[in-house]
Each structure stands twice: as structure tokens, then as C-alpha cells.
Amino acid sequence: MIPLGGLITLVVLLPNLIVVFFPPTQKLSGSLPIDDGRLQTMTIIERIGQIGSFVMPFFYQLPQLNTLGFVAVLIMAVTMALYYAGWIRYLIRRSEELFYQPLLGIPLPMAVMPVVYFLAASILLGSIWLMVAAVLLGIGHITVTWLNSRCIE
């Protein structure tokens, strides 16, 4: 049997291709200097979390759903709906600032939604290691996004 857990990763990575084919027409006006220690440290944590979160699901089968699994799938569906809504919003205006603006009152939704998605996926797959990776992704990705958002306000 083919481990279909990799579909979890593909669902979250697919919309990122939008930037490849439709680059922003409105770029950010500022950003943190590359030698900022906070940014460097958080970027390392973010990359470790990304590698773990993106790779680990490929080694798992999608399980039959029990009650907890159903709740996890529901959370994953809602977070991806919001994440895709953020990408649609970007596609309409093609402004990088939209990656940092709240969506339906959720701060930094383009950073928060994938983290919640992978945390729910870790519950669905029963993977403590995916949960650890998702926590690291959350610490790094949300912090890096927040630090960069401070430069545009």
C-alpha cells in the first residue's frame, strides 16, 4: 500500500505555487536586516519545523477515522479553507502585505493556518514527531512572520 499521508503535505504546499506563476506586483517596502539575530535564530527553527512537517506525513498511511480523527480532519479542512482564502485574496491584489494582514480577525493567518493544520495532522496520523515538528514550525514561522510584519506597519 502507498503511504498517502503525503497528501497532507501536498495540500498545504500547492497554493504556494501561486507566487511562482503570479509574483507580487506590490512588494514589501521594508524588512529586517539579514544579520538580525532574532531573525536568524527563528529562521533556523522554522526550517527545522518545515522539513519535519513537510517530510514526515509521506511515511504515514491515512487512517480510518475515529472521533478524534474526524475532529482533526475537520480542523484541517477549516484551516485549509482559511489558508486558501488568504491565497485567493493575494491573487486578487497581488500584494505581499496581504500575507501579514488579518483574515476574519485571525492575525497572521498565512503563518498560523499551516501550523494549526500540521498540529491537527499530527493528531490524525498519531505522530508525536510530526507534532514536535509542527510546534517548531509554529515557533519559527509565526515569529519570523510577526517580525517581518513589524517592518511594514
C-alpha atoms as a PDB file:
ATOM      1  CA  MET A   1       0.000   0.000   0.000  1.00  0.00           C
ATOM      2  CA  ILE A   2       1.230   3.513  -0.828  1.00  0.00           C
ATOM      3  CA  PRO A   3       1.595   5.842   2.162  1.00  0.00           C
ATOM      4  CA  LEU A   4      -0.959   8.533   1.287  1.00  0.00           C
ATOM      5  CA  GLY A   5      -0.069  10.729   4.253  1.00  0.00           C
ATOM      6  CA  GLY A   6       1.957  12.783   1.793  1.00  0.00           C
ATOM      7  CA  LEU A   7      -1.314  14.242   0.545  1.00  0.00           C
ATOM      8  CA  ILE A   8      -1.335  16.219   3.796  1.00  0.00           C
ATOM      9  CA  THR A   9       1.843  17.989   2.714  1.00  0.00           C
ATOM     10  CA  LEU A  10       0.756  18.490  -0.881  1.00  0.00           C
ATOM     11  CA  VAL A  11      -2.497  20.192   0.152  1.00  0.00           C
ATOM     12  CA  VAL A  12      -0.631  22.857   2.110  1.00  0.00           C
ATOM     13  CA  LEU A  13       2.196  23.365  -0.405  1.00  0.00           C
ATOM     14  CA  LEU A  14       0.099  23.514  -3.581  1.00  0.00           C
ATOM     15  CA  PRO A  15      -1.137  27.111  -3.246  1.00  0.00           C
ATOM     16  CA  ASN A  16       2.441  28.330  -2.752  1.00  0.00           C
ATOM     17  CA  LEU A  17       2.899  27.801  -6.498  1.00  0.00           C
ATOM     18  CA  ILE A  18       0.701  30.872  -6.980  1.00  0.00           C
ATOM     19  CA  VAL A  19       3.668  33.123  -6.151  1.00  0.00           C
ATOM     20  CA  VAL A  20       5.787  31.344  -8.777  1.00  0.00           C
ATOM     21  CA  PHE A  21       3.275  31.959 -11.557  1.00  0.00           C
ATOM     22  CA  PHE A  22       1.790  35.197 -10.219  1.00  0.00           C
ATOM     23  CA  PRO A  23       4.566  37.131  -8.442  1.00  0.00           C
ATOM     24  CA  PRO A  24       3.557  40.108  -6.324  1.00  0.00           C
ATOM     25  CA  THR A  25       3.062  43.393  -8.124  1.00  0.00           C
ATOM     26  CA  GLN A  26       3.285  45.243  -4.810  1.00  0.00           C
ATOM     27  CA  LYS A  27       6.407  44.261  -2.863  1.00  0.00           C
ATOM     28  CA  LEU A  28       7.054  44.992   0.792  1.00  0.00           C
ATOM     29  CA  SER A  29       8.681  48.315   1.485  1.00  0.00           C
ATOM     30  CA  GLY A  30      10.842  47.123   4.364  1.00  0.00           C
ATOM     31  CA  SER A  31      12.225  44.037   6.058  1.00  0.00           C
ATOM     32  CA  LEU A  32      14.510  43.063   8.891  1.00  0.00           C
ATOM     33  CA  PRO A  33      18.229  43.071   8.189  1.00  0.00           C
ATOM     34  CA  ILE A  34      19.505  39.588   7.377  1.00  0.00           C
ATOM     35  CA  ASP A  35      22.034  39.783  10.236  1.00  0.00           C
ATOM     36  CA  ASP A  36      19.288  40.336  12.829  1.00  0.00           C
ATOM     37  CA  GLY A  37      19.990  37.632  15.440  1.00  0.00           C
ATOM     38  CA  ARG A  38      16.329  37.055  16.249  1.00  0.00           C
ATOM     39  CA  LEU A  39      15.525  36.512  12.594  1.00  0.00           C
ATOM     40  CA  GLN A  40      18.440  34.116  12.092  1.00  0.00           C
ATOM     41  CA  THR A  41      17.562  32.007  15.137  1.00  0.00           C
ATOM     42  CA  MET A  42      13.860  31.851  14.346  1.00  0.00           C
ATOM     43  CA  THR A  43      14.565  31.072  10.679  1.00  0.00           C
ATOM     44  CA  ILE A  44      16.646  28.044  11.706  1.00  0.00           C
ATOM     45  CA  ILE A  45      13.840  26.823  13.989  1.00  0.00           C
ATOM     46  CA  GLU A  46      11.320  27.482  11.207  1.00  0.00           C
ATOM     47  CA  ARG A  47      13.354  25.471   8.663  1.00  0.00           C
ATOM     48  CA  ILE A  48      13.706  22.504  11.024  1.00  0.00           C
ATOM     49  CA  GLY A  49       9.949  22.588  11.584  1.00  0.00           C
ATOM     50  CA  GLN A  50       9.274  22.881   7.846  1.00  0.00           C
ATOM     51  CA  ILE A  51      11.453  19.921   6.971  1.00  0.00           C
ATOM     52  CA  GLY A  52       9.834  17.748   9.626  1.00  0.00           C
ATOM     53  CA  SER A  53       6.285  18.894   8.888  1.00  0.00           C
ATOM     54  CA  PHE A  54       6.637  18.538   5.122  1.00  0.00           C
ATOM     55  CA  VAL A  55       8.508  15.216   5.031  1.00  0.00           C
ATOM     56  CA  MET A  56       7.035  13.142   7.872  1.00  0.00           C
ATOM     57  CA  PRO A  57       3.488  12.743   6.517  1.00  0.00           C
ATOM     58  CA  PHE A  58       4.894  10.891   3.488  1.00  0.00           C
ATOM     59  CA  PHE A  59       5.758   7.992   5.794  1.00  0.00           C
ATOM     60  CA  TYR A  60       2.212   7.524   7.087  1.00  0.00           C
ATOM     61  CA  GLN A  61      -0.978   5.955   5.833  1.00  0.00           C
ATOM     62  CA  LEU A  62      -4.159   7.969   6.119  1.00  0.00           C
ATOM     63  CA  PRO A  63      -6.012   6.165   8.925  1.00  0.00           C
ATOM     64  CA  GLN A  64      -9.626   5.174   9.248  1.00  0.00           C
ATOM     65  CA  LEU A  65     -11.390   7.911  11.149  1.00  0.00           C
ATOM     66  CA  ASN A  66     -12.456   7.631  14.752  1.00  0.00           C
ATOM     67  CA  THR A  67     -13.989  10.555  16.656  1.00  0.00           C
ATOM     68  CA  LEU A  68     -10.636  12.226  17.356  1.00  0.00           C
ATOM     69  CA  GLY A  69      -9.540  11.681  13.758  1.00  0.00           C
ATOM     70  CA  PHE A  70     -12.777  13.224  12.500  1.00  0.00           C
ATOM     71  CA  VAL A  71     -12.216  16.325  14.663  1.00  0.00           C
ATOM     72  CA  ALA A  72      -8.636  16.542  13.367  1.00  0.00           C
ATOM     73  CA  VAL A  73      -9.817  16.319   9.741  1.00  0.00           C
ATOM     74  CA  LEU A  74     -12.455  18.971  10.436  1.00  0.00           C
ATOM     75  CA  ILE A  75      -9.810  21.309  11.882  1.00  0.00           C
ATOM     76  CA  MET A  76      -7.553  20.594   8.903  1.00  0.00           C
ATOM     77  CA  ALA A  77     -10.371  21.398   6.462  1.00  0.00           C
ATOM     78  CA  VAL A  78     -11.247  24.680   8.180  1.00  0.00           C
ATOM     79  CA  THR A  79      -7.618  25.810   8.413  1.00  0.00           C
ATOM     80  CA  MET A  80      -7.002  24.978   4.748  1.00  0.00           C
ATOM     81  CA  ALA A  81     -10.196  26.780   3.703  1.00  0.00           C
ATOM     82  CA  LEU A  82      -8.933  29.884   5.500  1.00  0.00           C
ATOM     83  CA  TYR A  83      -5.421  29.411   4.102  1.00  0.00           C
ATOM     84  CA  TYR A  84      -6.751  29.088   0.551  1.00  0.00           C
ATOM     85  CA  ALA A  85      -8.962  32.165   1.157  1.00  0.00           C
ATOM     86  CA  GLY A  86      -5.775  34.047   2.065  1.00  0.00           C
ATOM     87  CA  TRP A  87      -4.180  32.912  -1.186  1.00  0.00           C
ATOM     88  CA  ILE A  88      -7.241  33.953  -3.181  1.00  0.00           C
ATOM     89  CA  ARG A  89      -7.077  37.367  -1.500  1.00  0.00           C
ATOM     90  CA  TYR A  90      -3.404  37.595  -2.519  1.00  0.00           C
ATOM     91  CA  LEU A  91      -4.169  36.514  -6.087  1.00  0.00           C
ATOM     92  CA  ILE A  92      -6.763  39.267  -6.475  1.00  0.00           C
ATOM     93  CA  ARG A  93      -4.459  42.117  -5.328  1.00  0.00           C
ATOM     94  CA  ARG A  94      -1.006  40.511  -5.650  1.00  0.00           C
ATOM     95  CA  SER A  95       0.387  42.446  -2.702  1.00  0.00           C
ATOM     96  CA  GLU A  96       2.911  40.900  -0.292  1.00  0.00           C
ATOM     97  CA  GLU A  97       1.392  42.919   2.555  1.00  0.00           C
ATOM     98  CA  LEU A  98      -1.675  40.661   2.399  1.00  0.00           C
ATOM     99  CA  PHE A  99       0.437  37.808   3.785  1.00  0.00           C
ATOM    100  CA  TYR A 100       0.683  39.771   7.044  1.00  0.00           C
ATOM    101  CA  GLN A 101      -2.833  41.202   7.349  1.00  0.00           C
ATOM    102  CA  PRO A 102      -5.550  39.567   9.478  1.00  0.00           C
ATOM    103  CA  LEU A 103      -8.209  37.456   7.807  1.00  0.00           C
ATOM    104  CA  LEU A 104     -11.592  37.257   9.544  1.00  0.00           C
ATOM    105  CA  GLY A 105      -9.909  38.659  12.655  1.00  0.00           C
ATOM    106  CA  ILE A 106      -7.162  35.999  12.681  1.00  0.00           C
ATOM    107  CA  PRO A 107      -3.720  37.624  12.982  1.00  0.00           C
ATOM    108  CA  LEU A 108      -1.008  36.427  10.589  1.00  0.00           C
ATOM    109  CA  PRO A 109      -3.326  33.823   9.046  1.00  0.00           C
ATOM    110  CA  MET A 110      -0.864  32.763   6.354  1.00  0.00           C
ATOM    111  CA  ALA A 111       1.528  31.670   9.105  1.00  0.00           C
ATOM    112  CA  VAL A 112      -0.967  30.446  11.693  1.00  0.00           C
ATOM    113  CA  MET A 113      -3.181  28.285   9.457  1.00  0.00           C
ATOM    114  CA  PRO A 114      -0.474  25.867   8.211  1.00  0.00           C
ATOM    115  CA  VAL A 115       0.797  25.416  11.769  1.00  0.00           C
ATOM    116  CA  VAL A 116      -2.657  24.540  13.117  1.00  0.00           C
ATOM    117  CA  TYR A 117      -3.154  22.293  10.070  1.00  0.00           C
ATOM    118  CA  PHE A 118       0.023  20.301  10.790  1.00  0.00           C
ATOM    119  CA  LEU A 119      -0.799  20.081  14.502  1.00  0.00           C
ATOM    120  CA  ALA A 120      -4.186  18.589  13.592  1.00  0.00           C
ATOM    121  CA  ALA A 121      -2.462  16.296  11.061  1.00  0.00           C
ATOM    122  CA  SER A 122      -0.183  15.023  13.817  1.00  0.00           C
ATOM    123  CA  ILE A 123      -3.283  14.008  15.778  1.00  0.00           C
ATOM    124  CA  LEU A 124      -4.856  12.393  12.710  1.00  0.00           C
ATOM    125  CA  LEU A 125      -1.705  10.398  11.954  1.00  0.00           C
ATOM    126  CA  GLY A 126      -0.920   9.687  15.614  1.00  0.00           C
ATOM    127  CA  SER A 127       2.580  11.090  15.197  1.00  0.00           C
ATOM    128  CA  ILE A 128       4.302  12.719  18.159  1.00  0.00           C
ATOM    129  CA  TRP A 129       7.240  13.539  15.858  1.00  0.00           C
ATOM    130  CA  LEU A 130       5.005  15.441  13.453  1.00  0.00           C
ATOM    131  CA  MET A 131       3.591  17.280  16.453  1.00  0.00           C
ATOM    132  CA  VAL A 132       7.104  18.262  17.587  1.00  0.00           C
ATOM    133  CA  ALA A 133       7.918  19.426  14.042  1.00  0.00           C
ATOM    134  CA  ALA A 134       4.664  21.418  13.871  1.00  0.00           C
ATOM    135  CA  VAL A 135       5.423  23.096  17.210  1.00  0.00           C
ATOM    136  CA  LEU A 136       8.886  24.065  15.931  1.00  0.00           C
ATOM    137  CA  LEU A 137       7.307  25.276  12.697  1.00  0.00           C
ATOM    138  CA  GLY A 138       4.879  27.366  14.734  1.00  0.00           C
ATOM    139  CA  ILE A 139       7.566  28.892  16.927  1.00  0.00           C
ATOM    140  CA  GLY A 140       9.740  29.773  13.940  1.00  0.00           C
ATOM    141  CA  HIS A 141       7.244  30.572  11.184  1.00  0.00           C
ATOM    142  CA  ILE A 142       4.863  32.672  13.252  1.00  0.00           C
ATOM    143  CA  THR A 143       7.731  34.568  14.883  1.00  0.00           C
ATOM    144  CA  VAL A 144       9.516  35.235  11.559  1.00  0.00           C
ATOM    145  CA  THR A 145       6.239  36.381  10.029  1.00  0.00           C
ATOM    146  CA  TRP A 146       5.492  38.596  13.025  1.00  0.00           C
ATOM    147  CA  LEU A 147       8.988  40.120  12.971  1.00  0.00           C
ATOM    148  CA  ASN A 148       8.642  40.896   9.268  1.00  0.00           C
ATOM    149  CA  SER A 149       5.136  42.317   9.796  1.00  0.00           C
ATOM    150  CA  ARG A 150       6.578  44.852  12.242  1.00  0.00           C
ATOM    151  CA  CYS A 151       8.654  46.296   9.394  1.00  0.00           C
ATOM    152  CA  ILE A 152       5.669  47.177   7.231  1.00  0.00           C
ATOM    153  CA  GLU A 153       3.417  48.843   9.790  1.00  0.00           C
END
